[in-house]
Amino acid sequence: MDIPAILTANYPGNTWSLNGDDYAGLTWDENNTDPKPTKKTLETAWPQVQYDREYKAVEKARQAAYATDSDPLFFKWQRGDATEQQWKDAVQAVKDAHPYPTPPGE
């Protein structure tokens, strides 16, 4: 469980510090608008935060791969220098190389 990642994602605008990587080291600013989350709350939130982080990483990797692998074929297809199927195959290759993570609970 990545406590800073959970707090950053789910408790924006709140101030806190963490000594170590355990919940016992979490200090919650008394001026925060949200109450200090319990350890159980953080543990429950972790799978979704982890999924969101992995999903964003896949999106970033796909965008980079599209730019170098399939986009050039799209323009070649538009000019008549490649087939539509070649472009579609390149798009599918990017998707196959960078699959989305499984959502929590599935």
C-alpha atoms as a PDB file:
ATOM      1  CA  MET A   1       0.000   0.000   0.000  1.00  0.00           C
ATOM      2  CA  ASP A   2       1.335   3.411  -1.004  1.00  0.00           C
ATOM      3  CA  ILE A   3      -0.015   5.808   1.614  1.00  0.00           C
ATOM      4  CA  PRO A   4       1.285   9.004  -0.058  1.00  0.00           C
ATOM      5  CA  ALA A   5      -0.301   8.001  -3.372  1.00  0.00           C
ATOM      6  CA  ILE A   6      -3.662   7.365  -1.704  1.00  0.00           C
ATOM      7  CA  LEU A   7      -3.589  10.619   0.234  1.00  0.00           C
ATOM      8  CA  THR A   8      -2.542  12.618  -2.808  1.00  0.00           C
ATOM      9  CA  ALA A   9      -5.290  11.079  -4.951  1.00  0.00           C
ATOM     10  CA  ASN A  10      -8.134  11.018  -2.447  1.00  0.00           C
ATOM     11  CA  TYR A  11      -7.406  13.887  -0.062  1.00  0.00           C
ATOM     12  CA  PRO A  12      -6.202  16.805  -2.198  1.00  0.00           C
ATOM     13  CA  GLY A  13      -5.677  20.049  -0.371  1.00  0.00           C
ATOM     14  CA  ASN A  14      -5.018  18.354   2.960  1.00  0.00           C
ATOM     15  CA  THR A  15      -1.666  18.644   4.717  1.00  0.00           C
ATOM     16  CA  TRP A  16       0.033  15.630   6.229  1.00  0.00           C
ATOM     17  CA  SER A  17       3.422  14.079   6.820  1.00  0.00           C
ATOM     18  CA  LEU A  18       4.534  10.484   6.919  1.00  0.00           C
ATOM     19  CA  ASN A  19       7.449   9.195   8.947  1.00  0.00           C
ATOM     20  CA  GLY A  20       8.379   5.895   7.322  1.00  0.00           C
ATOM     21  CA  ASP A  21       5.904   3.956   5.239  1.00  0.00           C
ATOM     22  CA  ASP A  22       3.497   2.727   7.924  1.00  0.00           C
ATOM     23  CA  TYR A  23       0.172   4.232   8.976  1.00  0.00           C
ATOM     24  CA  ALA A  24       1.563   4.732  12.493  1.00  0.00           C
ATOM     25  CA  GLY A  25       3.885   7.386  11.033  1.00  0.00           C
ATOM     26  CA  LEU A  26       1.045   9.431   9.505  1.00  0.00           C
ATOM     27  CA  THR A  27       0.583  12.875  11.026  1.00  0.00           C
ATOM     28  CA  TRP A  28      -2.574  14.676   9.913  1.00  0.00           C
ATOM     29  CA  ASP A  29      -2.723  18.462  10.093  1.00  0.00           C
ATOM     30  CA  GLU A  30      -5.418  19.489  12.553  1.00  0.00           C
ATOM     31  CA  ASN A  31      -6.471  22.340  10.219  1.00  0.00           C
ATOM     32  CA  ASN A  32      -7.439  19.969   7.390  1.00  0.00           C
ATOM     33  CA  THR A  33     -11.035  20.085   6.234  1.00  0.00           C
ATOM     34  CA  ASP A  34     -11.190  16.283   6.030  1.00  0.00           C
ATOM     35  CA  PRO A  35     -10.779  14.062   9.079  1.00  0.00           C
ATOM     36  CA  LYS A  36      -7.753  11.786   9.208  1.00  0.00           C
ATOM     37  CA  PRO A  37      -8.574   8.631   7.269  1.00  0.00           C
ATOM     38  CA  THR A  38      -8.352   5.348   9.128  1.00  0.00           C
ATOM     39  CA  LYS A  39      -5.878   2.661   8.144  1.00  0.00           C
ATOM     40  CA  LYS A  40      -8.823   0.539   6.972  1.00  0.00           C
ATOM     41  CA  THR A  41     -10.057   3.415   4.763  1.00  0.00           C
ATOM     42  CA  LEU A  42      -6.634   3.694   3.153  1.00  0.00           C
ATOM     43  CA  GLU A  43      -6.390  -0.077   2.644  1.00  0.00           C
ATOM     44  CA  THR A  44      -9.815  -0.062   0.986  1.00  0.00           C
ATOM     45  CA  ALA A  45      -8.839   2.839  -1.286  1.00  0.00           C
ATOM     46  CA  TRP A  46      -5.490   1.374  -2.359  1.00  0.00           C
ATOM     47  CA  PRO A  47      -6.696  -1.012  -5.127  1.00  0.00           C
ATOM     48  CA  GLN A  48      -8.486   1.812  -6.976  1.00  0.00           C
ATOM     49  CA  VAL A  49      -5.562   4.210  -6.602  1.00  0.00           C
ATOM     50  CA  GLN A  50      -3.169   1.524  -7.840  1.00  0.00           C
ATOM     51  CA  TYR A  51      -5.463   0.750 -10.780  1.00  0.00           C
ATOM     52  CA  ASP A  52      -5.758   4.436 -11.696  1.00  0.00           C
ATOM     53  CA  ARG A  53      -1.976   4.800 -11.620  1.00  0.00           C
ATOM     54  CA  GLU A  54      -1.466   1.732 -13.827  1.00  0.00           C
ATOM     55  CA  TYR A  55      -4.213   2.850 -16.228  1.00  0.00           C
ATOM     56  CA  LYS A  56      -2.571   6.259 -16.662  1.00  0.00           C
ATOM     57  CA  ALA A  57       0.786   4.582 -17.333  1.00  0.00           C
ATOM     58  CA  VAL A  58      -0.780   2.405 -20.045  1.00  0.00           C
ATOM     59  CA  GLU A  59      -2.448   5.464 -21.602  1.00  0.00           C
ATOM     60  CA  LYS A  60       0.891   7.269 -21.715  1.00  0.00           C
ATOM     61  CA  ALA A  61       2.648   4.244 -23.232  1.00  0.00           C
ATOM     62  CA  ARG A  62      -0.097   3.796 -25.818  1.00  0.00           C
ATOM     63  CA  GLN A  63       0.015   7.437 -26.875  1.00  0.00           C
ATOM     64  CA  ALA A  64       3.767   7.230 -27.397  1.00  0.00           C
ATOM     65  CA  ALA A  65       3.441   3.978 -29.344  1.00  0.00           C
ATOM     66  CA  TYR A  66       0.618   5.316 -31.500  1.00  0.00           C
ATOM     67  CA  ALA A  67       2.754   8.330 -32.397  1.00  0.00           C
ATOM     68  CA  THR A  68       5.643   6.182 -33.577  1.00  0.00           C
ATOM     69  CA  ASP A  69       3.948   2.993 -34.787  1.00  0.00           C
ATOM     70  CA  SER A  70       0.407   3.528 -36.067  1.00  0.00           C
ATOM     71  CA  ASP A  71       0.033   7.251 -36.803  1.00  0.00           C
ATOM     72  CA  PRO A  72       2.580   7.208 -39.636  1.00  0.00           C
ATOM     73  CA  LEU A  73       0.666   4.321 -41.221  1.00  0.00           C
ATOM     74  CA  PHE A  74      -2.570   6.275 -40.940  1.00  0.00           C
ATOM     75  CA  PHE A  75      -1.106   9.092 -43.002  1.00  0.00           C
ATOM     76  CA  LYS A  76       0.387   6.632 -45.485  1.00  0.00           C
ATOM     77  CA  TRP A  77      -3.049   5.043 -45.834  1.00  0.00           C
ATOM     78  CA  GLN A  78      -4.594   8.487 -46.422  1.00  0.00           C
ATOM     79  CA  ARG A  79      -2.051   9.106 -49.199  1.00  0.00           C
ATOM     80  CA  GLY A  80      -2.606   5.650 -50.700  1.00  0.00           C
ATOM     81  CA  ASP A  81       0.854   4.365 -49.700  1.00  0.00           C
ATOM     82  CA  ALA A  82      -0.487   1.774 -47.221  1.00  0.00           C
ATOM     83  CA  THR A  83      -3.721  -0.093 -46.692  1.00  0.00           C
ATOM     84  CA  GLU A  84      -6.357   0.619 -44.089  1.00  0.00           C
ATOM     85  CA  GLN A  85      -5.763  -2.885 -42.743  1.00  0.00           C
ATOM     86  CA  GLN A  86      -2.058  -2.182 -42.202  1.00  0.00           C
ATOM     87  CA  TRP A  87      -2.998   0.848 -40.119  1.00  0.00           C
ATOM     88  CA  LYS A  88      -5.657  -1.092 -38.159  1.00  0.00           C
ATOM     89  CA  ASP A  89      -3.164  -3.899 -37.531  1.00  0.00           C
ATOM     90  CA  ALA A  90      -0.644  -1.374 -36.185  1.00  0.00           C
ATOM     91  CA  VAL A  91      -3.277   0.100 -33.850  1.00  0.00           C
ATOM     92  CA  GLN A  92      -4.153  -3.379 -32.588  1.00  0.00           C
ATOM     93  CA  ALA A  93      -0.472  -4.197 -32.081  1.00  0.00           C
ATOM     94  CA  VAL A  94      -0.141  -1.148 -29.822  1.00  0.00           C
ATOM     95  CA  LYS A  95      -3.212  -2.216 -27.836  1.00  0.00           C
ATOM     96  CA  ASP A  96      -1.887  -5.766 -27.526  1.00  0.00           C
ATOM     97  CA  ALA A  97       1.528  -4.547 -26.379  1.00  0.00           C
ATOM     98  CA  HIS A  98       0.008  -2.203 -23.781  1.00  0.00           C
ATOM     99  CA  PRO A  99      -3.088  -3.867 -22.270  1.00  0.00           C
ATOM    100  CA  TYR A 100      -5.161  -2.049 -19.686  1.00  0.00           C
ATOM    101  CA  PRO A 101      -5.016  -3.382 -16.127  1.00  0.00           C
ATOM    102  CA  THR A 102      -7.958  -5.278 -14.700  1.00  0.00           C
ATOM    103  CA  PRO A 103     -10.203  -3.002 -12.639  1.00  0.00           C
ATOM    104  CA  PRO A 104     -10.350  -3.768  -8.913  1.00  0.00           C
ATOM    105  CA  GLY A 105     -12.949  -6.352  -8.005  1.00  0.00           C
ATOM    106  CA  GLU A 106     -13.063  -8.006 -11.418  1.00  0.00           C
END
